[in-house]
Structure formats: C-alpha cells, structure tokens
C-alpha cells in the first residue's frame, strides 16, 4: 500500500524518496528550533535583502548547499537557494515578503521555457543547415535572403548540389517528375503556410494556457502565505490581549490593538479570490 502511494500510474516510483524524506525532516527541525516554525521568520530577518536571505538559507539548510570540489577548489552555484528567493519575489510580485531591494543581484532564475531563446535557436538551426566545407559558407551566402526559412535553405542546398553533380545547369534533363513537382509547388506552398498558421495558433494557445496556470499557482501560493501570516498575527494578538488582562498592562493592550489593525490591512485575500476566479474562467475559455 505504501509503495503504491508513491508510484505513478505508469509504475515509476518517486526518485530519491528516502533522501526527500530526510530533507523534509531536516528542514522542519531547523525551522522549529531556529525560526519559530516558519520560513517567514527567515524572510523577516533578511530585511528586504535577497543576499541576506541567501546567506541565511545557505548557513542553516544543508540541502541548499550545492557546492562541488573541482581540482581541490570549492565551486559554488547556489542554484536552488537563488530560485527559492526568486520564486518568493515572483509570488508576491516584489511586495511584502517578496520585497527585495537587491533582487537583481541574483544570478539564477527558474526558466522552464525555450521562448526566451527563440531567435538564438533559429540562428543555430541555420548554421547547422549550412554546409561546412573548405570554402566555409561562401556558396550559401549567395542564397541568404531576409526571413529565409530553414526549409528553403535545405531545398536550395539540395538543388545546388544536384546541379553541381550534373555538371552545369544547361546539362540538366527536365523529367516528367520535375515538371509535376514544379506544377504542384504553389499548392504545396499554400498548404505549408496554412499548416504553419495552424501550428502557430496552437502554440500561442498553449503558451497562454501555461502562463495562466503559472499565474493561478502563484496566486494560490500568495493566498496561502497571507492566510498563514494573518492566522499567526491573530494568535499573537489574542495572546497579548490575554496577557494584558492578567497584568492590566495598557501597553500590551495597545500592542494587541495594533496587531489587529495590521490584520485588517492584510485582508487582501478577498481580492486574491476575485483574481483567482477571473484567471480560472480565462483558463476554461482557452
């Protein structure tokens, strides 16, 4: 039964399950013993500094210390720790818990999409298509046209090599197959354009759906953090009020009242619910 809980529908088990369990226990113990049982304490201690929070994470949570030794020297990446801070900044839109004055000092951000590298990828494809002969790219330079597609590069390269193999362009024999190919070329080209348009629409829809799913996820995370923060603040206010009644200390009453005021200011969850509903409806319409 326990094995099936951590196994996918395809029968693949969760990788590194024991290691994950160990890290969860290790992290939880550290939070309880050093940070009042919540990571928000770490964020508060950092005082709006991403670098300070990075230092706190690295010093207290061993699982985030991605350090390798190469030729006797320690090489540090801090990838996971930096992504953790970047996710907090993104989740809270640079406000509240996510307000870091030096967020641009981070060197690593999560990016699970190739969209940012689209232009570079097109160039790489063209370079791979071009011939690497002793003459370099001289033959293909005469074929380069603005917005030339990779399929055109391939076709023109094939034609060039076939003409070269035949001796000269005047030595080519026009066959029946060649005439049929030329006649149907326009129809095939229009079919290709329609296929590309359809593909582009599908990709655009997928990108929009993914962006909405990510936005909904971050809104849910933001709501969860706010709810937890409000709950903790309320508990603290109640404790102060009870202590004030016992000691009849007016200062404790004032502190309790101030905390309750901050709770009302933090009651932004309702607006988050509205946003979540709007985004969920948008997602259904896609």
C-alpha atoms as a PDB file:
ATOM      1  CA  UNK A   1       0.000   0.000   0.000  1.00  0.00           C
ATOM      2  CA  UNK A   2       2.772   2.456   0.968  1.00  0.00           C
ATOM      3  CA  UNK A   3       4.671   1.706  -2.228  1.00  0.00           C
ATOM      4  CA  UNK A   4       1.606   2.389  -4.398  1.00  0.00           C
ATOM      5  CA  UNK A   5       1.084   5.818  -2.790  1.00  0.00           C
ATOM      6  CA  UNK A   6       4.428   6.983  -4.153  1.00  0.00           C
ATOM      7  CA  UNK A   7       4.188   5.322  -7.560  1.00  0.00           C
ATOM      8  CA  UNK A   8       2.883   6.916 -10.759  1.00  0.00           C
ATOM      9  CA  UNK A   9       0.189   5.380 -12.975  1.00  0.00           C
ATOM     10  CA  UNK A  10       2.991   4.094 -15.202  1.00  0.00           C
ATOM     11  CA  UNK A  11       4.613   2.255 -12.313  1.00  0.00           C
ATOM     12  CA  UNK A  12       7.525   4.682 -11.882  1.00  0.00           C
ATOM     13  CA  UNK A  13       8.460   5.283  -8.254  1.00  0.00           C
ATOM     14  CA  UNK A  14       9.221   8.743  -6.867  1.00  0.00           C
ATOM     15  CA  UNK A  15      13.010   9.148  -7.246  1.00  0.00           C
ATOM     16  CA  UNK A  16      15.180   9.705  -4.151  1.00  0.00           C
ATOM     17  CA  UNK A  17      12.211   9.209  -1.827  1.00  0.00           C
ATOM     18  CA  UNK A  18      14.327   8.480   1.260  1.00  0.00           C
ATOM     19  CA  UNK A  19      16.508  11.480   0.559  1.00  0.00           C
ATOM     20  CA  UNK A  20      13.446  13.708   0.133  1.00  0.00           C
ATOM     21  CA  UNK A  21      12.030  12.431   3.441  1.00  0.00           C
ATOM     22  CA  UNK A  22      15.337  13.095   5.203  1.00  0.00           C
ATOM     23  CA  UNK A  23      15.495  16.658   3.830  1.00  0.00           C
ATOM     24  CA  UNK A  24      11.906  17.361   4.906  1.00  0.00           C
ATOM     25  CA  UNK A  25      12.686  16.253   8.441  1.00  0.00           C
ATOM     26  CA  UNK A  26      15.956  18.178   8.475  1.00  0.00           C
ATOM     27  CA  UNK A  27      14.322  21.375   7.182  1.00  0.00           C
ATOM     28  CA  UNK A  28      11.338  21.104   9.532  1.00  0.00           C
ATOM     29  CA  UNK A  29      13.582  20.578  12.550  1.00  0.00           C
ATOM     30  CA  UNK A  30      15.671  23.625  11.637  1.00  0.00           C
ATOM     31  CA  UNK A  31      12.562  25.818  11.210  1.00  0.00           C
ATOM     32  CA  UNK A  32      11.143  24.714  14.588  1.00  0.00           C
ATOM     33  CA  UNK A  33      14.399  25.097  16.505  1.00  0.00           C
ATOM     34  CA  UNK A  34      15.672  28.335  14.958  1.00  0.00           C
ATOM     35  CA  UNK A  35      12.854  30.195  13.184  1.00  0.00           C
ATOM     36  CA  UNK A  36       9.655  29.752  15.233  1.00  0.00           C
ATOM     37  CA  UNK A  37       8.479  27.004  12.897  1.00  0.00           C
ATOM     38  CA  UNK A  38       8.000  29.235   9.853  1.00  0.00           C
ATOM     39  CA  UNK A  39      10.164  30.323   6.929  1.00  0.00           C
ATOM     40  CA  UNK A  40       8.586  33.791   7.092  1.00  0.00           C
ATOM     41  CA  UNK A  41      10.921  34.411  10.054  1.00  0.00           C
ATOM     42  CA  UNK A  42      13.882  33.891   7.734  1.00  0.00           C
ATOM     43  CA  UNK A  43      12.423  36.369   5.259  1.00  0.00           C
ATOM     44  CA  UNK A  44      11.850  38.939   8.012  1.00  0.00           C
ATOM     45  CA  UNK A  45      15.406  38.502   9.301  1.00  0.00           C
ATOM     46  CA  UNK A  46      16.760  39.217   5.807  1.00  0.00           C
ATOM     47  CA  UNK A  47      15.297  42.760   5.970  1.00  0.00           C
ATOM     48  CA  UNK A  48      14.371  43.036   2.279  1.00  0.00           C
ATOM     49  CA  UNK A  49      17.749  41.748   1.118  1.00  0.00           C
ATOM     50  CA  UNK A  50      17.954  38.800  -1.281  1.00  0.00           C
ATOM     51  CA  UNK A  51      21.644  38.344  -0.471  1.00  0.00           C
ATOM     52  CA  UNK A  52      20.948  38.263   3.275  1.00  0.00           C
ATOM     53  CA  UNK A  53      18.221  35.674   2.773  1.00  0.00           C
ATOM     54  CA  UNK A  54      20.569  33.654   0.562  1.00  0.00           C
ATOM     55  CA  UNK A  55      23.147  33.670   3.369  1.00  0.00           C
ATOM     56  CA  UNK A  56      20.535  32.592   5.948  1.00  0.00           C
ATOM     57  CA  UNK A  57      19.401  29.713   3.721  1.00  0.00           C
ATOM     58  CA  UNK A  58      22.931  28.544   2.967  1.00  0.00           C
ATOM     59  CA  UNK A  59      24.026  28.676   6.611  1.00  0.00           C
ATOM     60  CA  UNK A  60      21.006  26.865   8.045  1.00  0.00           C
ATOM     61  CA  UNK A  61      19.629  24.493   5.390  1.00  0.00           C
ATOM     62  CA  UNK A  62      22.274  21.983   4.208  1.00  0.00           C
ATOM     63  CA  UNK A  63      20.144  20.659   1.308  1.00  0.00           C
ATOM     64  CA  UNK A  64      20.557  24.015  -0.465  1.00  0.00           C
ATOM     65  CA  UNK A  65      24.369  23.934  -0.382  1.00  0.00           C
ATOM     66  CA  UNK A  66      25.135  22.852  -3.947  1.00  0.00           C
ATOM     67  CA  UNK A  67      28.916  23.049  -3.737  1.00  0.00           C
ATOM     68  CA  UNK A  68      31.296  20.946  -5.820  1.00  0.00           C
ATOM     69  CA  UNK A  69      35.031  20.427  -5.443  1.00  0.00           C
ATOM     70  CA  UNK A  70      36.986  20.735  -8.703  1.00  0.00           C
ATOM     71  CA  UNK A  71      40.784  20.399  -8.731  1.00  0.00           C
ATOM     72  CA  UNK A  72      40.842  20.965  -4.990  1.00  0.00           C
ATOM     73  CA  UNK A  73      38.770  24.163  -5.141  1.00  0.00           C
ATOM     74  CA  UNK A  74      35.200  24.633  -3.958  1.00  0.00           C
ATOM     75  CA  UNK A  75      32.867  25.793  -6.732  1.00  0.00           C
ATOM     76  CA  UNK A  76      29.527  27.185  -5.552  1.00  0.00           C
ATOM     77  CA  UNK A  77      26.354  27.531  -7.617  1.00  0.00           C
ATOM     78  CA  UNK A  78      23.601  28.168  -5.035  1.00  0.00           C
ATOM     79  CA  UNK A  79      21.079  27.413  -7.782  1.00  0.00           C
ATOM     80  CA  UNK A  80      18.234  26.053  -5.647  1.00  0.00           C
ATOM     81  CA  UNK A  81      18.621  28.718  -2.960  1.00  0.00           C
ATOM     82  CA  UNK A  82      18.523  31.530  -5.526  1.00  0.00           C
ATOM     83  CA  UNK A  83      15.499  30.012  -7.278  1.00  0.00           C
ATOM     84  CA  UNK A  84      13.763  29.787  -3.878  1.00  0.00           C
ATOM     85  CA  UNK A  85      14.262  33.536  -3.332  1.00  0.00           C
ATOM     86  CA  UNK A  86      13.308  34.363  -6.920  1.00  0.00           C
ATOM     87  CA  UNK A  87      10.065  32.365  -6.544  1.00  0.00           C
ATOM     88  CA  UNK A  88       9.169  34.279  -3.369  1.00  0.00           C
ATOM     89  CA  UNK A  89       9.832  37.575  -5.155  1.00  0.00           C
ATOM     90  CA  UNK A  90       7.709  36.467  -8.110  1.00  0.00           C
ATOM     91  CA  UNK A  91       4.903  35.047  -5.942  1.00  0.00           C
ATOM     92  CA  UNK A  92       4.469  38.296  -4.013  1.00  0.00           C
ATOM     93  CA  UNK A  93       5.139  40.486  -7.068  1.00  0.00           C
ATOM     94  CA  UNK A  94       8.056  42.216  -5.351  1.00  0.00           C
ATOM     95  CA  UNK A  95       5.888  43.349  -2.404  1.00  0.00           C
ATOM     96  CA  UNK A  96       5.534  42.272   1.229  1.00  0.00           C
ATOM     97  CA  UNK A  97       7.509  39.082   1.732  1.00  0.00           C
ATOM     98  CA  UNK A  98       8.786  39.453  -1.831  1.00  0.00           C
ATOM     99  CA  UNK A  99      10.175  42.985  -1.451  1.00  0.00           C
ATOM    100  CA  UNK A 100      13.909  42.572  -2.045  1.00  0.00           C
ATOM    101  CA  UNK A 101      15.914  45.740  -2.718  1.00  0.00           C
ATOM    102  CA  UNK A 102      18.734  43.775  -4.355  1.00  0.00           C
ATOM    103  CA  UNK A 103      16.783  41.154  -6.325  1.00  0.00           C
ATOM    104  CA  UNK A 104      18.872  41.982  -9.414  1.00  0.00           C
ATOM    105  CA  UNK A 105      21.948  40.664  -7.580  1.00  0.00           C
ATOM    106  CA  UNK A 106      20.719  37.083  -8.063  1.00  0.00           C
ATOM    107  CA  UNK A 107      22.423  35.230 -10.898  1.00  0.00           C
ATOM    108  CA  UNK A 108      19.953  32.374 -11.386  1.00  0.00           C
ATOM    109  CA  UNK A 109      16.226  32.367 -12.090  1.00  0.00           C
ATOM    110  CA  UNK A 110      13.947  29.464 -12.989  1.00  0.00           C
ATOM    111  CA  UNK A 111      13.168  29.257 -16.685  1.00  0.00           C
ATOM    112  CA  UNK A 112      11.416  26.137 -17.975  1.00  0.00           C
ATOM    113  CA  UNK A 113      10.640  27.579 -21.364  1.00  0.00           C
ATOM    114  CA  UNK A 114      12.642  27.970 -24.577  1.00  0.00           C
ATOM    115  CA  UNK A 115      10.621  31.037 -25.590  1.00  0.00           C
ATOM    116  CA  UNK A 116      13.361  33.422 -24.457  1.00  0.00           C
ATOM    117  CA  UNK A 117      15.834  31.755 -26.793  1.00  0.00           C
ATOM    118  CA  UNK A 118      13.673  31.558 -29.916  1.00  0.00           C
ATOM    119  CA  UNK A 119      15.777  33.938 -32.010  1.00  0.00           C
ATOM    120  CA  UNK A 120      19.029  32.276 -30.970  1.00  0.00           C
ATOM    121  CA  UNK A 121      17.616  28.840 -31.799  1.00  0.00           C
ATOM    122  CA  UNK A 122      16.669  29.979 -35.315  1.00  0.00           C
ATOM    123  CA  UNK A 123      20.240  31.109 -35.913  1.00  0.00           C
ATOM    124  CA  UNK A 124      21.622  27.823 -34.595  1.00  0.00           C
ATOM    125  CA  UNK A 125      19.350  25.850 -36.929  1.00  0.00           C
ATOM    126  CA  UNK A 126      20.501  27.883 -39.932  1.00  0.00           C
ATOM    127  CA  UNK A 127      24.142  27.392 -39.002  1.00  0.00           C
ATOM    128  CA  UNK A 128      23.607  23.632 -38.692  1.00  0.00           C
ATOM    129  CA  UNK A 129      21.898  23.551 -42.095  1.00  0.00           C
ATOM    130  CA  UNK A 130      24.683  25.419 -43.865  1.00  0.00           C
ATOM    131  CA  UNK A 131      27.495  23.331 -45.344  1.00  0.00           C
ATOM    132  CA  UNK A 132      30.842  23.149 -43.546  1.00  0.00           C
ATOM    133  CA  UNK A 133      33.190  22.706 -46.496  1.00  0.00           C
ATOM    134  CA  UNK A 134      36.717  24.040 -47.022  1.00  0.00           C
ATOM    135  CA  UNK A 135      35.164  27.041 -48.657  1.00  0.00           C
ATOM    136  CA  UNK A 136      33.209  27.821 -45.474  1.00  0.00           C
ATOM    137  CA  UNK A 137      29.815  29.372 -46.155  1.00  0.00           C
ATOM    138  CA  UNK A 138      30.674  31.093 -49.426  1.00  0.00           C
ATOM    139  CA  UNK A 139      28.209  29.051 -51.513  1.00  0.00           C
ATOM    140  CA  UNK A 140      25.325  29.712 -49.159  1.00  0.00           C
ATOM    141  CA  UNK A 141      25.992  33.423 -48.754  1.00  0.00           C
ATOM    142  CA  UNK A 142      24.552  33.973 -52.228  1.00  0.00           C
ATOM    143  CA  UNK A 143      21.372  32.198 -51.096  1.00  0.00           C
ATOM    144  CA  UNK A 144      20.807  34.176 -47.923  1.00  0.00           C
ATOM    145  CA  UNK A 145      17.610  36.231 -48.126  1.00  0.00           C
ATOM    146  CA  UNK A 146      15.843  38.103 -45.363  1.00  0.00           C
ATOM    147  CA  UNK A 147      13.361  35.809 -43.497  1.00  0.00           C
ATOM    148  CA  UNK A 148      14.570  32.760 -45.470  1.00  0.00           C
ATOM    149  CA  UNK A 149      13.215  29.632 -43.770  1.00  0.00           C
ATOM    150  CA  UNK A 150      15.317  26.614 -42.898  1.00  0.00           C
ATOM    151  CA  UNK A 151      13.279  24.505 -45.368  1.00  0.00           C
ATOM    152  CA  UNK A 152      14.300  26.914 -48.143  1.00  0.00           C
ATOM    153  CA  UNK A 153      17.947  26.624 -47.135  1.00  0.00           C
ATOM    154  CA  UNK A 154      17.722  22.856 -47.359  1.00  0.00           C
ATOM    155  CA  UNK A 155      15.902  22.871 -50.714  1.00  0.00           C
ATOM    156  CA  UNK A 156      18.273  25.342 -52.325  1.00  0.00           C
ATOM    157  CA  UNK A 157      21.249  23.443 -50.997  1.00  0.00           C
ATOM    158  CA  UNK A 158      19.883  20.189 -52.470  1.00  0.00           C
ATOM    159  CA  UNK A 159      19.301  21.923 -55.835  1.00  0.00           C
ATOM    160  CA  UNK A 160      22.795  23.381 -55.809  1.00  0.00           C
ATOM    161  CA  UNK A 161      24.404  20.001 -55.134  1.00  0.00           C
ATOM    162  CA  UNK A 162      22.284  18.293 -57.841  1.00  0.00           C
ATOM    163  CA  UNK A 163      23.229  20.925 -60.455  1.00  0.00           C
ATOM    164  CA  UNK A 164      26.869  20.622 -59.431  1.00  0.00           C
ATOM    165  CA  UNK A 165      26.653  16.837 -59.813  1.00  0.00           C
ATOM    166  CA  UNK A 166      25.095  17.212 -63.291  1.00  0.00           C
ATOM    167  CA  UNK A 167      27.973  19.396 -64.466  1.00  0.00           C
ATOM    168  CA  UNK A 168      26.102  22.623 -65.277  1.00  0.00           C
ATOM    169  CA  UNK A 169      22.548  23.922 -65.256  1.00  0.00           C
ATOM    170  CA  UNK A 170      22.254  23.560 -69.071  1.00  0.00           C
ATOM    171  CA  UNK A 171      23.158  19.859 -68.781  1.00  0.00           C
ATOM    172  CA  UNK A 172      20.058  19.131 -66.672  1.00  0.00           C
ATOM    173  CA  UNK A 173      17.385  16.919 -68.211  1.00  0.00           C
ATOM    174  CA  UNK A 174      13.855  18.110 -67.427  1.00  0.00           C
ATOM    175  CA  UNK A 175      11.947  14.980 -66.452  1.00  0.00           C
ATOM    176  CA  UNK A 176       8.219  14.390 -66.074  1.00  0.00           C
ATOM    177  CA  UNK A 177       8.598  14.184 -62.312  1.00  0.00           C
ATOM    178  CA  UNK A 178      10.337  17.566 -62.241  1.00  0.00           C
ATOM    179  CA  UNK A 179       7.544  19.205 -64.262  1.00  0.00           C
ATOM    180  CA  UNK A 180       4.878  17.720 -61.972  1.00  0.00           C
ATOM    181  CA  UNK A 181       6.777  18.938 -58.916  1.00  0.00           C
ATOM    182  CA  UNK A 182       7.005  22.461 -60.362  1.00  0.00           C
ATOM    183  CA  UNK A 183       3.275  22.472 -61.232  1.00  0.00           C
ATOM    184  CA  UNK A 184       2.184  21.427 -57.743  1.00  0.00           C
ATOM    185  CA  UNK A 185       4.733  23.608 -55.942  1.00  0.00           C
ATOM    186  CA  UNK A 186       2.345  26.536 -55.419  1.00  0.00           C
ATOM    187  CA  UNK A 187      -0.390  24.333 -53.939  1.00  0.00           C
ATOM    188  CA  UNK A 188       2.100  22.643 -51.634  1.00  0.00           C
ATOM    189  CA  UNK A 189       3.447  26.011 -50.548  1.00  0.00           C
ATOM    190  CA  UNK A 190      -0.057  27.291 -49.677  1.00  0.00           C
ATOM    191  CA  UNK A 191      -0.704  24.072 -47.780  1.00  0.00           C
ATOM    192  CA  UNK A 192       2.549  24.567 -45.904  1.00  0.00           C
ATOM    193  CA  UNK A 193       1.606  28.161 -44.973  1.00  0.00           C
ATOM    194  CA  UNK A 194      -1.780  27.035 -43.664  1.00  0.00           C
ATOM    195  CA  UNK A 195      -0.092  24.317 -41.635  1.00  0.00           C
ATOM    196  CA  UNK A 196       2.331  26.867 -40.155  1.00  0.00           C
ATOM    197  CA  UNK A 197      -0.520  29.228 -39.260  1.00  0.00           C
ATOM    198  CA  UNK A 198      -2.399  26.414 -37.544  1.00  0.00           C
ATOM    199  CA  UNK A 199       0.729  25.390 -35.669  1.00  0.00           C
ATOM    200  CA  UNK A 200       1.348  28.975 -34.556  1.00  0.00           C
ATOM    201  CA  UNK A 201      -2.228  29.282 -33.239  1.00  0.00           C
ATOM    202  CA  UNK A 202      -1.850  26.055 -31.288  1.00  0.00           C
ATOM    203  CA  UNK A 203       1.489  27.144 -29.812  1.00  0.00           C
ATOM    204  CA  UNK A 204       0.078  30.552 -28.864  1.00  0.00           C
ATOM    205  CA  UNK A 205      -2.869  28.897 -27.126  1.00  0.00           C
ATOM    206  CA  UNK A 206      -0.548  26.509 -25.261  1.00  0.00           C
ATOM    207  CA  UNK A 207       1.710  29.370 -24.157  1.00  0.00           C
ATOM    208  CA  UNK A 208      -1.271  31.388 -22.938  1.00  0.00           C
ATOM    209  CA  UNK A 209      -2.637  28.382 -21.054  1.00  0.00           C
ATOM    210  CA  UNK A 210       0.724  27.718 -19.408  1.00  0.00           C
ATOM    211  CA  UNK A 211       1.091  31.385 -18.406  1.00  0.00           C
ATOM    212  CA  UNK A 212      -2.381  31.358 -16.838  1.00  0.00           C
ATOM    213  CA  UNK A 213      -1.686  28.106 -14.978  1.00  0.00           C
ATOM    214  CA  UNK A 214       1.531  29.572 -13.569  1.00  0.00           C
ATOM    215  CA  UNK A 215      -0.263  32.790 -12.557  1.00  0.00           C
ATOM    216  CA  UNK A 216      -3.020  30.814 -10.807  1.00  0.00           C
ATOM    217  CA  UNK A 217      -0.392  28.759  -8.977  1.00  0.00           C
ATOM    218  CA  UNK A 218       1.415  31.862  -7.709  1.00  0.00           C
ATOM    219  CA  UNK A 219      -1.886  33.495  -6.652  1.00  0.00           C
ATOM    220  CA  UNK A 220      -2.751  30.377  -4.656  1.00  0.00           C
ATOM    221  CA  UNK A 221       0.685  30.419  -3.019  1.00  0.00           C
ATOM    222  CA  UNK A 222       0.319  34.098  -2.216  1.00  0.00           C
ATOM    223  CA  UNK A 223      -3.097  33.484  -0.675  1.00  0.00           C
ATOM    224  CA  UNK A 224      -1.725  30.616   1.413  1.00  0.00           C
ATOM    225  CA  UNK A 225       1.132  32.759   2.766  1.00  0.00           C
ATOM    226  CA  UNK A 226      -1.265  35.611   3.584  1.00  0.00           C
ATOM    227  CA  UNK A 227      -3.693  33.303   5.361  1.00  0.00           C
ATOM    228  CA  UNK A 228      -0.903  31.809   7.444  1.00  0.00           C
ATOM    229  CA  UNK A 229       0.509  35.231   8.273  1.00  0.00           C
ATOM    230  CA  UNK A 230      -2.922  36.564   9.310  1.00  0.00           C
ATOM    231  CA  UNK A 231      -3.551  33.483  11.455  1.00  0.00           C
ATOM    232  CA  UNK A 232      -0.197  33.842  13.248  1.00  0.00           C
ATOM    233  CA  UNK A 233      -0.710  37.581  13.782  1.00  0.00           C
ATOM    234  CA  UNK A 234      -4.197  36.960  15.178  1.00  0.00           C
ATOM    235  CA  UNK A 235      -2.877  34.313  17.575  1.00  0.00           C
ATOM    236  CA  UNK A 236      -0.209  36.735  18.768  1.00  0.00           C
ATOM    237  CA  UNK A 237      -2.812  39.487  19.248  1.00  0.00           C
ATOM    238  CA  UNK A 238      -5.011  37.144  21.326  1.00  0.00           C
ATOM    239  CA  UNK A 239      -2.035  36.119  23.495  1.00  0.00           C
ATOM    240  CA  UNK A 240      -1.148  39.767  24.102  1.00  0.00           C
ATOM    241  CA  UNK A 241      -4.762  40.627  24.976  1.00  0.00           C
ATOM    242  CA  UNK A 242      -4.948  37.753  27.477  1.00  0.00           C
ATOM    243  CA  UNK A 243      -1.634  38.748  28.998  1.00  0.00           C
ATOM    244  CA  UNK A 244      -2.825  42.375  29.223  1.00  0.00           C
ATOM    245  CA  UNK A 245      -5.956  41.316  31.125  1.00  0.00           C
ATOM    246  CA  UNK A 246      -3.875  39.407  33.639  1.00  0.00           C
ATOM    247  CA  UNK A 247      -1.234  42.077  34.157  1.00  0.00           C
ATOM    248  CA  UNK A 248      -3.515  45.071  33.451  1.00  0.00           C
ATOM    249  CA  UNK A 249      -0.746  46.476  31.287  1.00  0.00           C
ATOM    250  CA  UNK A 250      -2.094  49.138  28.931  1.00  0.00           C
ATOM    251  CA  UNK A 251       0.953  48.790  26.668  1.00  0.00           C
ATOM    252  CA  UNK A 252       0.073  45.172  25.947  1.00  0.00           C
ATOM    253  CA  UNK A 253      -3.484  46.213  25.105  1.00  0.00           C
ATOM    254  CA  UNK A 254      -2.110  48.779  22.658  1.00  0.00           C
ATOM    255  CA  UNK A 255       0.189  46.222  21.027  1.00  0.00           C
ATOM    256  CA  UNK A 256      -2.700  43.796  20.686  1.00  0.00           C
ATOM    257  CA  UNK A 257      -4.833  46.515  19.103  1.00  0.00           C
ATOM    258  CA  UNK A 258      -2.050  47.449  16.647  1.00  0.00           C
ATOM    259  CA  UNK A 259      -1.696  43.825  15.582  1.00  0.00           C
ATOM    260  CA  UNK A 260      -5.443  43.592  14.937  1.00  0.00           C
ATOM    261  CA  UNK A 261      -5.180  46.730  12.794  1.00  0.00           C
ATOM    262  CA  UNK A 262      -2.459  45.107  10.699  1.00  0.00           C
ATOM    263  CA  UNK A 263      -4.721  42.073  10.255  1.00  0.00           C
ATOM    264  CA  UNK A 264      -7.459  44.228   8.752  1.00  0.00           C
ATOM    265  CA  UNK A 265      -4.888  45.800   6.417  1.00  0.00           C
ATOM    266  CA  UNK A 266      -3.758  42.378   5.325  1.00  0.00           C
ATOM    267  CA  UNK A 267      -7.295  41.262   4.492  1.00  0.00           C
ATOM    268  CA  UNK A 268      -6.472  41.280   0.818  1.00  0.00           C
ATOM    269  CA  UNK A 269      -7.361  37.634   0.393  1.00  0.00           C
ATOM    270  CA  UNK A 270     -10.783  38.597  -0.942  1.00  0.00           C
ATOM    271  CA  UNK A 271      -9.142  40.418  -3.866  1.00  0.00           C
ATOM    272  CA  UNK A 272      -6.968  37.362  -4.438  1.00  0.00           C
ATOM    273  CA  UNK A 273     -10.100  35.216  -4.591  1.00  0.00           C
ATOM    274  CA  UNK A 274     -11.520  37.541  -7.241  1.00  0.00           C
ATOM    275  CA  UNK A 275      -8.296  37.311  -9.254  1.00  0.00           C
ATOM    276  CA  UNK A 276      -8.207  33.538  -8.900  1.00  0.00           C
ATOM    277  CA  UNK A 277     -11.790  33.301 -10.131  1.00  0.00           C
ATOM    278  CA  UNK A 278     -11.079  35.553 -13.100  1.00  0.00           C
ATOM    279  CA  UNK A 279      -7.992  33.605 -14.126  1.00  0.00           C
ATOM    280  CA  UNK A 280      -9.769  30.270 -13.700  1.00  0.00           C
ATOM    281  CA  UNK A 281     -12.544  31.446 -16.013  1.00  0.00           C
ATOM    282  CA  UNK A 282      -9.970  32.620 -18.565  1.00  0.00           C
ATOM    283  CA  UNK A 283      -8.337  29.200 -18.396  1.00  0.00           C
ATOM    284  CA  UNK A 284     -11.648  27.456 -19.084  1.00  0.00           C
ATOM    285  CA  UNK A 285     -12.225  29.637 -22.156  1.00  0.00           C
ATOM    286  CA  UNK A 286      -8.952  28.593 -23.770  1.00  0.00           C
END
